[in-house]
N, C-alpha and C. Protein backbone atom coordinates (compact mmCIF):
# COMPACT_ATOMS: atom_id res chain seq x y z
N UNK A 1 -11.30 -11.96 26.68
CA UNK A 1 -10.59 -13.15 27.82
C UNK A 1 -10.73 -12.16 28.57
N UNK A 2 -10.46 -12.84 30.26
CA UNK A 2 -10.20 -12.48 31.43
C UNK A 2 -9.26 -12.81 31.97
N UNK A 3 -8.60 -12.26 33.18
CA UNK A 3 -7.50 -12.34 33.40
C UNK A 3 -6.98 -14.20 34.42
N UNK A 4 -8.80 -14.96 34.41
CA UNK A 4 -8.36 -15.73 34.90
C UNK A 4 -8.20 -16.45 34.35
N UNK A 5 -8.29 -16.39 32.48
CA UNK A 5 -8.36 -17.38 31.32
C UNK A 5 -6.72 -17.46 31.08
N UNK A 6 -5.30 -17.05 31.63
CA UNK A 6 -4.56 -16.35 30.84
C UNK A 6 -3.03 -16.50 32.32
N UNK A 7 -3.77 -16.20 33.20
CA UNK A 7 -2.82 -15.87 34.23
C UNK A 7 -2.01 -17.27 34.73
N UNK A 8 -0.87 -17.07 35.29
CA UNK A 8 -0.06 -18.23 35.72
C UNK A 8 -0.57 -18.15 37.40
N UNK A 9 -1.36 -19.71 38.26
CA UNK A 9 -1.60 -19.86 39.02
C UNK A 9 -0.40 -20.30 40.02
N UNK A 10 0.52 -21.14 39.14
CA UNK A 10 1.62 -21.38 40.27
C UNK A 10 2.77 -20.41 40.70
N UNK A 11 2.53 -19.46 41.61
CA UNK A 11 3.05 -18.26 42.24
C UNK A 11 4.48 -18.64 43.12
N UNK A 12 5.65 -18.38 42.49
CA UNK A 12 7.29 -18.35 43.41
C UNK A 12 7.07 -16.53 43.84
N UNK A 13 6.94 -16.79 44.76
CA UNK A 13 7.48 -15.30 45.81
C UNK A 13 8.90 -15.98 46.53
N UNK A 14 8.49 -14.95 47.16
CA UNK A 14 9.88 -14.66 48.49
C UNK A 14 9.84 -14.15 49.51
N UNK A 15 10.23 -14.30 50.98
CA UNK A 15 10.13 -13.57 51.77
C UNK A 15 10.70 -12.41 52.34
N UNK A 16 10.23 -11.51 52.63
CA UNK A 16 10.57 -9.84 53.13
C UNK A 16 11.93 -10.02 53.22
N UNK A 17 12.21 -11.32 54.59
CA UNK A 17 13.50 -11.60 55.28
C UNK A 17 14.24 -12.30 54.11
N UNK A 18 13.79 -12.67 52.76
CA UNK A 18 15.03 -13.12 51.72
C UNK A 18 15.98 -11.89 51.99
N UNK A 19 17.01 -12.16 50.88
CA UNK A 19 18.25 -11.70 50.48
C UNK A 19 17.54 -11.09 49.09
N UNK A 20 18.43 -10.12 48.84
CA UNK A 20 18.17 -9.93 47.55
C UNK A 20 18.90 -10.39 46.55
N UNK A 21 20.38 -10.70 46.52
CA UNK A 21 20.52 -11.95 46.42
C UNK A 21 19.81 -13.24 45.40
N UNK A 22 19.20 -13.61 46.36
CA UNK A 22 18.10 -14.71 46.86
C UNK A 22 16.86 -14.68 45.55
N UNK A 23 16.56 -13.44 46.10
CA UNK A 23 15.52 -12.85 45.20
C UNK A 23 16.23 -13.27 43.40
N UNK A 24 16.72 -12.43 43.32
CA UNK A 24 17.60 -12.73 41.91
C UNK A 24 17.79 -14.11 41.13
N UNK A 25 18.22 -15.41 42.65
CA UNK A 25 18.85 -16.07 41.66
C UNK A 25 16.86 -16.99 41.61
N UNK A 26 16.06 -16.82 41.84
CA UNK A 26 14.67 -17.51 41.65
C UNK A 26 14.33 -16.90 40.32
N UNK A 27 14.30 -15.32 40.42
CA UNK A 27 13.86 -14.60 38.90
C UNK A 27 14.67 -15.39 37.64
N UNK A 28 15.82 -15.31 37.89
CA UNK A 28 16.90 -16.18 36.98
C UNK A 28 16.28 -17.67 36.44
N UNK A 29 15.99 -18.64 38.02
CA UNK A 29 15.82 -19.70 38.24
C UNK A 29 14.27 -20.45 37.42
N UNK A 30 13.92 -19.12 37.68
CA UNK A 30 12.18 -19.63 36.62
C UNK A 30 11.78 -18.41 35.53
N UNK A 31 12.67 -17.78 34.95
CA UNK A 31 12.84 -16.99 33.97
C UNK A 31 11.80 -16.10 33.99
N UNK A 32 11.77 -15.05 34.90
CA UNK A 32 10.56 -14.13 35.54
C UNK A 32 11.50 -12.51 35.58
N UNK A 33 10.94 -11.34 35.57
CA UNK A 33 11.09 -10.59 35.37
C UNK A 33 10.95 -9.66 36.88
N UNK A 34 10.36 -10.82 37.68
CA UNK A 34 10.25 -10.10 38.74
C UNK A 34 8.72 -11.36 39.99
N UNK A 35 8.80 -10.97 41.05
CA UNK A 35 8.25 -11.60 42.29
C UNK A 35 7.56 -11.51 43.24
N UNK A 36 6.54 -11.90 43.55
CA UNK A 36 6.15 -11.28 44.88
C UNK A 36 6.70 -11.44 46.24
N UNK A 37 6.00 -9.99 46.85
CA UNK A 37 6.70 -10.55 48.13
C UNK A 37 5.47 -10.70 49.25
N UNK A 38 5.66 -12.19 50.00
CA UNK A 38 4.80 -12.74 50.78
C UNK A 38 5.51 -12.77 51.96
N UNK A 39 4.59 -12.53 53.45
CA UNK A 39 4.83 -12.51 54.45
C UNK A 39 4.54 -13.50 55.15
N UNK A 40 5.28 -14.17 56.44
CA UNK A 40 4.83 -15.00 57.37
C UNK A 40 3.13 -15.66 56.90
N UNK A 41 2.17 -14.79 57.05
CA UNK A 41 1.17 -14.92 57.32
C UNK A 41 0.46 -15.36 56.01
N UNK A 42 1.48 -15.13 54.70
CA UNK A 42 0.86 -15.52 53.55
C UNK A 42 0.39 -14.24 52.95
N UNK A 43 0.56 -13.10 53.50
CA UNK A 43 -0.28 -12.09 52.35
C UNK A 43 1.15 -11.43 51.65
N UNK A 44 0.38 -10.50 50.71
CA UNK A 44 1.03 -10.20 50.00
C UNK A 44 2.02 -8.89 50.47
N UNK A 45 2.67 -8.21 50.11
CA UNK A 45 3.05 -6.98 50.82
C UNK A 45 4.52 -6.37 49.73
N UNK A 46 4.79 -7.14 48.63
CA UNK A 46 5.35 -6.19 47.71
C UNK A 46 5.47 -6.83 46.64
N UNK A 47 6.18 -6.69 45.62
CA UNK A 47 7.00 -7.04 44.46
C UNK A 47 8.22 -6.59 44.55
N UNK A 48 9.40 -7.81 43.83
CA UNK A 48 10.52 -6.84 43.48
C UNK A 48 11.00 -7.59 42.12
N UNK A 49 11.28 -6.61 41.30
CA UNK A 49 11.29 -6.74 40.06
C UNK A 49 12.74 -6.50 39.63
N UNK A 50 13.05 -6.78 38.25
CA UNK A 50 14.23 -6.41 37.67
C UNK A 50 14.86 -4.77 37.82
N UNK A 51 13.13 -4.13 37.95
CA UNK A 51 13.69 -2.63 37.83
C UNK A 51 14.10 -2.05 39.26
N UNK A 52 13.55 -2.72 40.77
CA UNK A 52 14.10 -2.28 41.59
C UNK A 52 15.83 -2.97 41.83
N UNK A 53 16.25 -3.63 40.86
CA UNK A 53 17.77 -3.75 41.28
C UNK A 53 18.91 -3.25 40.22
N UNK A 54 17.78 -2.37 39.58
CA UNK A 54 19.14 -1.62 38.44
C UNK A 54 20.04 -1.07 38.85
N UNK A 55 20.01 -0.25 39.93
CA UNK A 55 20.70 0.84 40.65
C UNK A 55 21.86 0.26 41.88
N UNK A 56 21.57 -1.41 41.42
CA UNK A 56 22.81 -1.90 42.61
C UNK A 56 24.42 -1.77 43.21
N UNK A 57 24.76 -1.40 43.86
CA UNK A 57 26.24 -1.04 43.80
C UNK A 57 26.90 -2.69 43.62
N UNK A 58 26.02 -3.52 43.31
CA UNK A 58 26.73 -5.18 43.00
C UNK A 58 27.43 -5.20 41.11
N UNK A 59 27.00 -4.01 40.73
CA UNK A 59 26.86 -3.52 39.30
C UNK A 59 28.00 -2.26 39.11
N UNK A 60 28.12 -2.48 39.98
CA UNK A 60 29.57 -1.26 40.18
C UNK A 60 29.07 0.16 40.26
N UNK A 61 29.64 0.84 40.83
CA UNK A 61 29.49 2.19 41.11
C UNK A 61 28.96 3.02 40.31
N UNK A 62 29.19 2.92 39.37
CA UNK A 62 28.84 3.41 38.45
C UNK A 62 27.45 3.86 37.89
N UNK A 63 26.98 2.82 38.38
CA UNK A 63 25.44 2.27 38.41
C UNK A 63 24.64 3.54 38.85
N UNK A 64 25.05 4.23 40.01
CA UNK A 64 24.28 5.33 41.23
C UNK A 64 25.33 6.48 40.79
N UNK A 65 26.34 6.20 39.96
CA UNK A 65 27.45 7.84 40.27
C UNK A 65 26.77 8.75 39.66
N UNK A 66 25.64 8.54 38.86
CA UNK A 66 25.32 9.81 37.33
C UNK A 66 24.06 10.29 38.87
N UNK A 67 23.78 9.51 39.95
CA UNK A 67 22.40 10.18 41.16
C UNK A 67 22.82 11.47 41.46
N UNK A 68 24.31 11.95 41.70
CA UNK A 68 25.02 12.37 42.32
C UNK A 68 24.73 13.95 41.23
N UNK A 69 24.91 13.77 39.93
CA UNK A 69 24.66 14.57 39.24
C UNK A 69 23.55 15.23 38.71
N UNK A 70 22.14 14.84 39.86
CA UNK A 70 21.07 15.89 39.66
C UNK A 70 20.32 16.00 41.10
N UNK A 71 19.10 17.01 40.65
CA UNK A 71 18.92 17.54 42.25
C UNK A 71 18.19 16.84 42.89
N UNK A 72 18.27 16.40 44.20
CA UNK A 72 17.61 15.08 44.89
C UNK A 72 17.44 15.27 46.23
N UNK A 73 15.87 15.63 47.12
CA UNK A 73 16.58 16.05 47.96
C UNK A 73 16.75 14.97 49.35
N UNK A 74 17.09 15.16 50.38
CA UNK A 74 17.72 14.26 51.32
C UNK A 74 16.75 12.91 51.45
N UNK A 75 15.30 12.97 51.25
CA UNK A 75 14.94 11.47 51.42
C UNK A 75 15.18 11.34 50.20
N UNK A 76 15.00 11.43 49.11
CA UNK A 76 14.87 10.96 47.81
C UNK A 76 16.52 9.66 47.75
N UNK A 77 17.67 11.08 48.14
CA UNK A 77 18.72 10.80 48.23
C UNK A 77 19.00 9.30 49.13
N UNK A 78 18.60 9.37 50.34
CA UNK A 78 18.62 8.37 51.05
C UNK A 78 17.54 6.91 50.79
N UNK A 79 16.75 7.05 49.95
CA UNK A 79 15.77 6.13 49.65
C UNK A 79 16.60 5.61 48.33
N UNK A 80 17.20 6.31 47.59
CA UNK A 80 18.55 5.76 46.71
C UNK A 80 19.23 5.07 47.36
N UNK A 81 20.08 5.56 48.27
CA UNK A 81 20.77 4.96 48.82
C UNK A 81 21.02 3.13 49.54
N UNK A 82 19.52 3.56 50.02
CA UNK A 82 18.89 1.97 50.45
C UNK A 82 18.63 0.98 49.59
N UNK A 83 17.66 1.20 48.85
CA UNK A 83 17.53 0.87 47.31
C UNK A 83 19.10 0.25 46.85
N UNK A 84 19.92 0.99 46.44
CA UNK A 84 21.21 0.26 45.98
C UNK A 84 21.81 -0.61 46.88
N UNK A 85 21.91 -0.12 48.08
CA UNK A 85 22.91 -0.86 49.37
C UNK A 85 22.02 -2.10 49.88
N UNK A 86 21.02 -2.15 50.38
CA UNK A 86 19.89 -2.96 51.39
C UNK A 86 20.27 -4.48 50.80
N UNK A 87 20.46 -5.41 51.88
CA UNK A 87 21.00 -6.62 51.54
C UNK A 87 19.32 -7.09 51.85
N UNK A 88 18.18 -6.81 52.33
CA UNK A 88 16.87 -7.54 52.53
C UNK A 88 15.83 -7.05 51.53
N UNK A 89 15.11 -8.07 50.85
CA UNK A 89 14.32 -7.98 50.07
C UNK A 89 12.79 -6.89 50.79
N UNK A 90 13.16 -6.80 51.74
CA UNK A 90 11.76 -5.75 52.39
C UNK A 90 12.30 -4.52 52.65
N UNK A 91 13.56 -3.94 52.17
CA UNK A 91 13.83 -2.83 52.25
C UNK A 91 14.31 -2.14 50.76
N UNK A 92 13.94 -2.91 49.78
CA UNK A 92 14.38 -3.03 48.07
C UNK A 92 13.07 -3.02 47.49
N UNK A 93 12.35 -3.91 48.08
CA UNK A 93 10.98 -4.19 47.12
C UNK A 93 10.32 -2.74 46.57
N UNK A 94 9.06 -3.11 45.81
CA UNK A 94 8.19 -1.68 45.58
C UNK A 94 6.78 -2.27 46.71
N UNK A 95 6.40 -0.86 47.28
CA UNK A 95 5.17 -1.17 48.35
C UNK A 95 3.82 -0.57 47.36
N UNK A 96 4.52 0.09 46.35
CA UNK A 96 3.34 0.45 45.69
C UNK A 96 2.52 -0.29 44.89
N UNK A 97 1.70 -0.77 45.42
CA UNK A 97 1.16 -2.70 44.73
C UNK A 97 0.47 -2.38 43.80
N UNK A 98 0.04 -2.75 42.49
CA UNK A 98 -0.98 -2.76 41.27
C UNK A 98 -1.78 -4.14 41.43
N UNK A 99 -2.63 -4.26 41.40
CA UNK A 99 -3.59 -5.88 41.56
C UNK A 99 -4.18 -5.82 40.74
N UNK A 100 -5.45 -6.72 40.17
CA UNK A 100 -6.21 -6.65 39.49
C UNK A 100 -7.38 -8.13 40.21
N UNK A 101 -8.33 -8.28 39.59
CA UNK A 101 -8.77 -9.43 40.07
C UNK A 101 -9.01 -10.22 39.25
N UNK A 102 -9.19 -11.89 39.75
CA UNK A 102 -9.27 -12.55 38.67
C UNK A 102 -10.29 -12.44 37.13
N UNK A 103 -11.04 -11.42 37.91
CA UNK A 103 -12.48 -11.49 36.35
C UNK A 103 -12.40 -10.33 35.73
N UNK A 104 -11.15 -9.37 35.86
CA UNK A 104 -10.78 -8.32 35.17
C UNK A 104 -10.88 -9.10 33.59
N UNK A 105 -10.73 -7.39 32.56
CA UNK A 105 -10.63 -8.03 31.47
C UNK A 105 -8.93 -7.81 31.08
N UNK A 106 -8.94 -8.63 30.26
CA UNK A 106 -7.56 -8.09 29.84
C UNK A 106 -6.98 -6.92 29.12
N UNK A 107 -8.24 -6.17 28.25
CA UNK A 107 -7.78 -4.54 28.35
C UNK A 107 -7.62 -3.57 28.99
N UNK A 108 -8.05 -4.15 30.71
CA UNK A 108 -7.71 -3.03 31.70
C UNK A 108 -6.40 -3.44 32.35
N UNK A 109 -5.82 -4.80 32.08
CA UNK A 109 -4.56 -4.99 32.42
C UNK A 109 -3.89 -4.30 31.38
N UNK A 110 -3.79 -4.05 30.70
CA UNK A 110 -3.04 -4.41 29.29
C UNK A 110 -2.62 -2.50 29.61
N UNK A 111 -4.11 -1.92 29.66
CA UNK A 111 -3.67 -0.30 30.15
C UNK A 111 -3.30 -0.02 31.80
N UNK A 112 -3.09 -1.27 32.59
CA UNK A 112 -2.70 -0.96 33.80
C UNK A 112 -1.01 -0.53 33.92
N UNK A 113 -0.32 -2.20 33.09
CA UNK A 113 0.97 -1.98 32.74
C UNK A 113 0.88 -0.70 32.08
N UNK A 114 0.71 -0.92 30.55
CA UNK A 114 1.46 0.62 30.42
C UNK A 114 1.20 2.09 31.29
N UNK A 115 0.37 2.20 31.97
CA UNK A 115 0.27 3.35 33.11
C UNK A 115 1.47 3.14 33.59
N UNK A 116 1.63 2.58 34.14
CA UNK A 116 2.51 1.99 35.82
C UNK A 116 3.80 1.50 35.21
N UNK A 117 4.24 1.50 33.82
CA UNK A 117 5.13 0.86 33.43
C UNK A 117 5.77 -0.46 34.03
N UNK A 118 5.07 -1.36 34.60
CA UNK A 118 4.80 -2.74 34.97
C UNK A 118 4.72 -3.73 33.85
N UNK A 119 5.83 -5.00 34.38
CA UNK A 119 5.51 -6.01 33.00
C UNK A 119 4.65 -7.18 33.92
N UNK A 120 4.19 -7.25 35.38
CA UNK A 120 3.51 -8.51 36.08
C UNK A 120 3.16 -7.75 37.01
N UNK A 121 1.80 -8.11 37.27
CA UNK A 121 0.33 -7.63 38.46
C UNK A 121 0.27 -9.17 38.90
N UNK A 122 0.27 -8.63 39.79
CA UNK A 122 -0.20 -9.70 41.08
C UNK A 122 -1.94 -10.51 40.92
N UNK A 123 -2.23 -11.15 41.35
CA UNK A 123 -4.17 -11.38 40.93
C UNK A 123 -4.43 -11.94 42.21
N UNK A 124 -5.56 -10.77 42.59
CA UNK A 124 -5.56 -11.17 43.94
C UNK A 124 -7.45 -11.83 43.61
N UNK A 125 -8.19 -12.87 44.79
CA UNK A 125 -9.35 -13.23 45.17
C UNK A 125 -9.74 -12.91 46.66
N UNK A 126 -10.60 -11.95 46.73
CA UNK A 126 -11.02 -11.88 48.12
C UNK A 126 -9.80 -11.61 49.26
N UNK A 127 -9.02 -10.75 48.60
CA UNK A 127 -7.79 -10.08 49.66
C UNK A 127 -6.82 -11.52 49.57
N UNK A 128 -6.85 -12.73 48.55
CA UNK A 128 -5.57 -13.21 48.28
C UNK A 128 -5.15 -13.87 47.54
N UNK A 129 -3.95 -13.94 47.27
CA UNK A 129 -2.87 -13.84 45.92
C UNK A 129 -3.27 -15.37 44.96
N UNK A 130 -3.77 -14.98 44.01
CA UNK A 130 -4.27 -16.76 43.41
C UNK A 130 -3.31 -17.03 42.35
N UNK A 131 -2.53 -15.99 41.54
CA UNK A 131 -1.87 -15.80 40.58
C UNK A 131 -1.45 -14.68 40.21
N UNK A 132 -0.54 -14.55 39.31
CA UNK A 132 0.00 -13.75 38.08
C UNK A 132 0.09 -13.58 36.77
N UNK A 133 -0.45 -12.66 36.01
CA UNK A 133 -0.47 -11.82 35.09
C UNK A 133 0.48 -11.36 34.64
N UNK A 134 1.22 -11.44 33.37
CA UNK A 134 2.42 -10.92 32.83
C UNK A 134 2.21 -10.38 31.33
N UNK A 135 3.09 -9.85 31.35
CA UNK A 135 2.95 -8.94 29.58
C UNK A 135 2.89 -10.49 28.52
N UNK A 136 3.98 -11.45 29.08
CA UNK A 136 4.30 -12.73 28.28
C UNK A 136 2.81 -13.61 28.16
N UNK A 137 2.10 -13.24 28.92
CA UNK A 137 0.53 -14.20 29.13
C UNK A 137 -0.53 -13.19 28.35
N UNK A 138 -0.16 -11.63 28.07
CA UNK A 138 -1.29 -11.39 27.10
C UNK A 138 -0.27 -11.80 25.90
N UNK A 139 0.87 -11.90 25.39
CA UNK A 139 1.17 -12.19 24.11
C UNK A 139 0.61 -13.49 23.85
N UNK A 140 0.31 -14.62 24.84
CA UNK A 140 -0.35 -15.74 25.03
C UNK A 140 -1.67 -15.81 24.55
N UNK A 141 -2.58 -14.54 25.08
CA UNK A 141 -4.27 -14.27 24.31
C UNK A 141 -4.00 -14.04 22.99
N UNK A 142 -2.85 -13.43 22.35
CA UNK A 142 -3.23 -12.87 20.90
C UNK A 142 -2.96 -13.49 20.67
N UNK A 143 -1.91 -15.15 20.69
CA UNK A 143 -1.58 -16.12 20.08
C UNK A 143 -2.80 -17.05 19.09
N UNK A 144 -3.94 -16.78 20.37
CA UNK A 144 -4.82 -18.13 20.74
C UNK A 144 -6.26 -17.04 20.46
N UNK A 145 -6.18 -16.26 20.59
CA UNK A 145 -7.42 -15.21 19.88
C UNK A 145 -7.87 -15.68 18.59
N UNK A 146 -9.45 -15.98 19.17
CA UNK A 146 -9.89 -16.52 17.48
C UNK A 146 -10.30 -15.40 16.69
N UNK A 147 -10.53 -15.53 15.40
CA UNK A 147 -11.02 -14.41 14.24
C UNK A 147 -12.60 -14.26 15.01
N UNK A 148 -13.10 -13.08 14.31
CA UNK A 148 -14.48 -12.91 14.73
C UNK A 148 -15.41 -13.45 13.27
N UNK A 149 -16.28 -14.16 13.87
CA UNK A 149 -16.77 -14.55 13.39
C UNK A 149 -18.15 -13.64 12.30
N UNK A 150 -17.40 -13.80 10.60
CA UNK A 150 -18.36 -12.27 10.02
C UNK A 150 -18.81 -13.47 8.87
N UNK A 151 -20.52 -12.91 8.72
CA UNK A 151 -21.20 -14.19 7.71
C UNK A 151 -20.55 -13.70 6.42
N UNK A 152 -20.64 -14.34 5.54
CA UNK A 152 -20.14 -14.51 4.37
C UNK A 152 -20.89 -13.87 3.25
N UNK A 153 -19.63 -13.75 2.15
CA UNK A 153 -21.05 -12.20 1.09
C UNK A 153 -20.12 -11.54 1.57
N UNK A 154 -19.95 -10.46 0.37
CA UNK A 154 -19.26 -8.98 -0.09
C UNK A 154 -19.88 -8.56 0.86
N UNK A 155 -21.66 -8.13 0.73
CA UNK A 155 -22.16 -7.35 1.50
C UNK A 155 -21.91 -7.34 2.86
N UNK A 156 -21.93 -8.63 4.09
CA UNK A 156 -21.47 -8.74 4.95
C UNK A 156 -20.22 -8.06 5.61
N UNK A 157 -19.12 -8.36 4.65
CA UNK A 157 -17.74 -8.34 4.93
C UNK A 157 -17.48 -6.67 4.83
N UNK A 158 -18.19 -5.61 3.58
CA UNK A 158 -18.34 -4.65 4.06
C UNK A 158 -19.02 -3.92 4.80
N UNK A 159 -20.20 -4.44 5.68
CA UNK A 159 -20.31 -3.64 6.79
C UNK A 159 -19.94 -3.87 7.76
N UNK A 160 -19.22 -5.26 8.22
CA UNK A 160 -17.98 -5.14 9.06
C UNK A 160 -16.69 -4.35 9.04
N UNK A 161 -16.95 -4.13 7.78
CA UNK A 161 -15.20 -3.10 7.56
C UNK A 161 -15.90 -2.02 7.99
N UNK A 162 -17.29 -1.06 7.74
CA UNK A 162 -17.79 -0.20 7.91
C UNK A 162 -17.61 0.17 9.21
N UNK A 163 -18.04 -0.86 9.71
CA UNK A 163 -18.13 -0.62 11.40
C UNK A 163 -16.70 -0.03 12.20
N UNK A 164 -15.90 -0.90 11.52
CA UNK A 164 -14.51 -1.14 12.31
C UNK A 164 -14.10 0.17 12.16
N UNK A 165 -14.41 0.76 10.59
CA UNK A 165 -13.91 2.40 10.73
C UNK A 165 -14.47 3.14 11.44
N UNK A 166 -15.53 2.64 12.16
CA UNK A 166 -15.98 4.03 13.26
C UNK A 166 -15.77 3.63 14.06
N UNK A 167 -14.24 2.59 15.12
CA UNK A 167 -14.72 2.24 15.93
C UNK A 167 -13.07 2.57 16.66
N UNK A 168 -13.06 4.25 16.90
CA UNK A 168 -11.94 4.53 17.44
C UNK A 168 -10.57 4.79 16.39
N UNK A 169 -11.22 4.83 15.33
CA UNK A 169 -9.68 4.73 14.21
C UNK A 169 -9.34 5.88 13.74
N UNK A 170 -9.77 7.13 13.87
CA UNK A 170 -8.85 8.66 13.65
C UNK A 170 -9.38 9.13 12.61
N UNK A 171 -10.83 7.73 11.80
CA UNK A 171 -10.95 8.76 10.53
C UNK A 171 -12.41 8.32 10.75
N UNK A 172 -12.77 9.35 11.93
CA UNK A 172 -14.04 9.79 12.17
C UNK A 172 -14.61 11.39 11.07
N UNK A 173 -15.32 11.26 10.29
CA UNK A 173 -15.43 12.78 9.61
C UNK A 173 -14.35 12.29 8.62
N UNK A 174 -14.47 11.18 7.55
CA UNK A 174 -13.71 11.82 7.03
C UNK A 174 -14.38 11.00 5.52
N UNK A 175 -15.52 10.95 5.83
CA UNK A 175 -16.84 10.38 4.74
C UNK A 175 -16.24 9.11 3.87
N UNK A 176 -16.24 8.35 4.64
CA UNK A 176 -15.37 6.50 3.91
C UNK A 176 -16.43 6.05 3.99
N UNK A 177 -16.52 5.67 2.44
CA UNK A 177 -16.98 4.78 1.54
C UNK A 177 -16.24 3.49 1.24
N UNK A 178 -17.37 2.02 1.87
CA UNK A 178 -16.21 0.92 1.14
C UNK A 178 -17.37 0.12 0.18
N UNK A 179 -16.87 -0.43 -0.51
CA UNK A 179 -17.21 -1.50 -1.59
C UNK A 179 -16.66 -2.88 -1.57
N UNK A 180 -17.58 -4.05 -1.54
CA UNK A 180 -16.45 -4.97 -1.71
C UNK A 180 -16.95 -5.86 -2.85
N UNK A 181 -15.98 -6.67 -3.70
CA UNK A 181 -16.04 -7.36 -5.14
C UNK A 181 -15.17 -8.27 -4.42
N UNK A 182 -16.05 -9.23 -4.78
CA UNK A 182 -14.96 -10.93 -4.60
C UNK A 182 -14.09 -10.71 -3.74
N UNK A 183 -14.33 -9.87 -2.39
CA UNK A 183 -13.98 -10.62 -1.12
C UNK A 183 -12.60 -8.90 -1.30
N UNK A 184 -12.15 -8.16 -2.29
CA UNK A 184 -11.48 -7.14 -2.36
C UNK A 184 -11.91 -5.93 -1.86
N UNK A 185 -11.49 -5.23 -0.84
CA UNK A 185 -12.24 -4.61 -0.51
C UNK A 185 -11.59 -2.76 -0.82
N UNK A 186 -12.57 -2.03 -1.68
CA UNK A 186 -12.35 -0.77 -1.89
C UNK A 186 -12.64 -0.03 -1.48
N UNK A 187 -11.80 1.22 -0.83
CA UNK A 187 -12.10 2.76 0.36
C UNK A 187 -11.63 3.56 -0.56
N UNK A 188 -12.51 4.60 -0.52
CA UNK A 188 -12.60 6.10 -0.58
C UNK A 188 -13.04 6.78 0.69
N UNK A 189 -12.55 7.94 0.70
CA UNK A 189 -12.73 8.80 1.64
C UNK A 189 -11.58 10.45 1.60
N UNK A 190 -12.02 11.14 2.60
CA UNK A 190 -11.14 12.63 2.78
C UNK A 190 -10.04 12.24 3.44
N UNK A 191 -8.86 10.69 3.31
CA UNK A 191 -8.02 10.20 4.10
C UNK A 191 -6.29 10.68 3.22
N UNK A 192 -6.00 11.58 3.97
CA UNK A 192 -4.97 13.06 3.59
C UNK A 192 -3.91 12.48 4.36
N UNK A 193 -3.10 11.30 4.83
CA UNK A 193 -2.19 11.61 5.76
C UNK A 193 -1.80 10.00 5.65
N UNK A 194 -0.89 9.74 5.64
CA UNK A 194 0.09 8.23 5.75
C UNK A 194 -0.66 7.65 7.03
N UNK A 195 -0.75 8.32 8.23
CA UNK A 195 -1.05 6.90 9.52
C UNK A 195 -2.41 6.64 9.39
N UNK A 196 -3.44 7.55 8.57
CA UNK A 196 -4.80 7.42 9.00
C UNK A 196 -5.06 6.49 7.44
N UNK A 197 -4.04 6.57 6.58
CA UNK A 197 -4.39 5.60 5.39
C UNK A 197 -4.26 4.41 6.31
N UNK A 198 -3.09 3.90 6.75
CA UNK A 198 -2.95 2.91 7.21
C UNK A 198 -3.50 2.81 8.52
N UNK A 199 -4.70 3.20 9.09
CA UNK A 199 -5.35 2.85 9.99
C UNK A 199 -6.57 2.21 9.32
N UNK A 200 -6.85 2.87 8.38
CA UNK A 200 -8.56 2.53 6.97
C UNK A 200 -8.10 1.15 6.39
N UNK A 201 -6.71 0.66 6.08
CA UNK A 201 -5.81 -0.16 5.49
C UNK A 201 -5.98 -1.44 6.67
N UNK A 202 -5.62 -1.11 7.37
CA UNK A 202 -5.76 -1.88 9.12
C UNK A 202 -7.06 -2.92 9.45
N UNK A 203 -7.92 -1.73 9.09
CA UNK A 203 -9.59 -2.02 9.77
C UNK A 203 -9.92 -2.97 8.74
N UNK A 204 -9.68 -2.85 7.57
CA UNK A 204 -10.24 -3.31 6.46
C UNK A 204 -9.61 -5.26 6.73
N UNK A 205 -8.43 -4.83 6.76
CA UNK A 205 -7.22 -6.33 6.91
C UNK A 205 -7.86 -7.25 7.61
N UNK A 206 -8.51 -6.45 9.10
CA UNK A 206 -8.23 -6.98 9.50
C UNK A 206 -10.07 -7.60 9.86
N UNK A 207 -10.76 -7.92 8.58
CA UNK A 207 -12.02 -8.53 8.71
C UNK A 207 -12.40 -9.38 8.48
N UNK A 208 -12.60 -10.94 8.91
CA UNK A 208 -12.23 -12.17 8.18
C UNK A 208 -13.05 -12.32 6.74
N UNK A 209 -12.32 -12.83 5.76
CA UNK A 209 -12.61 -12.67 4.80
C UNK A 209 -12.45 -11.87 3.56
N UNK A 210 -11.34 -10.59 4.13
CA UNK A 210 -11.47 -9.76 3.10
C UNK A 210 -9.66 -10.70 2.44
N UNK A 211 -10.07 -10.23 0.68
CA UNK A 211 -8.71 -10.83 0.57
C UNK A 211 -7.58 -9.81 -0.31
N UNK A 212 -8.47 -8.85 -0.26
CA UNK A 212 -7.42 -7.58 -0.64
C UNK A 212 -7.49 -6.25 -0.42
N UNK A 213 -7.11 -4.90 -0.44
CA UNK A 213 -7.48 -3.67 -0.12
C UNK A 213 -7.15 -2.97 -1.44
N UNK A 214 -8.00 -2.08 -1.84
CA UNK A 214 -7.42 -1.44 -2.83
C UNK A 214 -7.58 -0.05 -1.95
N UNK A 215 -6.85 1.05 -2.10
CA UNK A 215 -6.97 2.52 -1.61
C UNK A 215 -7.53 3.22 -2.48
N UNK A 216 -8.45 4.31 -2.64
CA UNK A 216 -8.72 5.56 -3.47
C UNK A 216 -8.84 6.61 -3.10
N UNK A 217 -7.64 6.65 -2.31
CA UNK A 217 -7.54 8.09 -1.25
C UNK A 217 -7.06 9.65 -2.14
N UNK A 218 -7.42 10.61 -1.70
CA UNK A 218 -6.60 11.78 -2.93
C UNK A 218 -5.05 11.71 -2.15
N UNK A 219 -4.07 12.17 -3.21
CA UNK A 219 -2.70 12.30 -3.18
C UNK A 219 -2.81 12.92 -1.59
N UNK A 220 -1.13 12.81 -1.33
CA UNK A 220 -0.72 13.34 -0.41
C UNK A 220 -0.16 14.53 -0.50
N UNK A 221 -0.33 15.32 0.04
CA UNK A 221 0.12 16.92 0.27
C UNK A 221 1.59 16.86 0.18
N UNK A 222 2.08 17.91 -0.77
CA UNK A 222 3.68 18.04 -0.41
C UNK A 222 4.31 18.21 1.45
């Protein structure tokens, strides 16, 4: 699936001249963790999210007091002061934008979210904002995903399991052997850790038609 298959196209944004309070109200009203910041020319200039508001003075001085116990440069302290005290969205928003194109894969989006610790990513087309893709949208993709079409029969299931076991599972070089009898997969191999055993079981269970998994691995060491 691609970003355009799951993204939200009804984008709720704020102006860089809006107040931080207004941005928070919009996030609460729309049940979102962040909103794009769009200037008068319709250009995306930033994102303001819950993370940008965690050290606001409205939460009490204790929210930023711990900053005084850490070693920061004057510039870093000034930046933290602005983020916690400024009333304009433009002064608080994040300007280092992470964006994707509508034809990006969901795998790449998931990777970007994990790498940068963000929950929502603007979707662009020819330089214009056309949507937002969020972690919630990725969950929808999981719920609506279709199972792989696996040919019927034990031998077809066995081949599919063998392929799954070789796909970056951590089981490479474990001399895995698979047999399938009446839909029940039997696994052998030099698999001697709990996590590798779990990976083998999950790989087998993910193949359509598998009715059960029996492990024939050596006992774990002390």
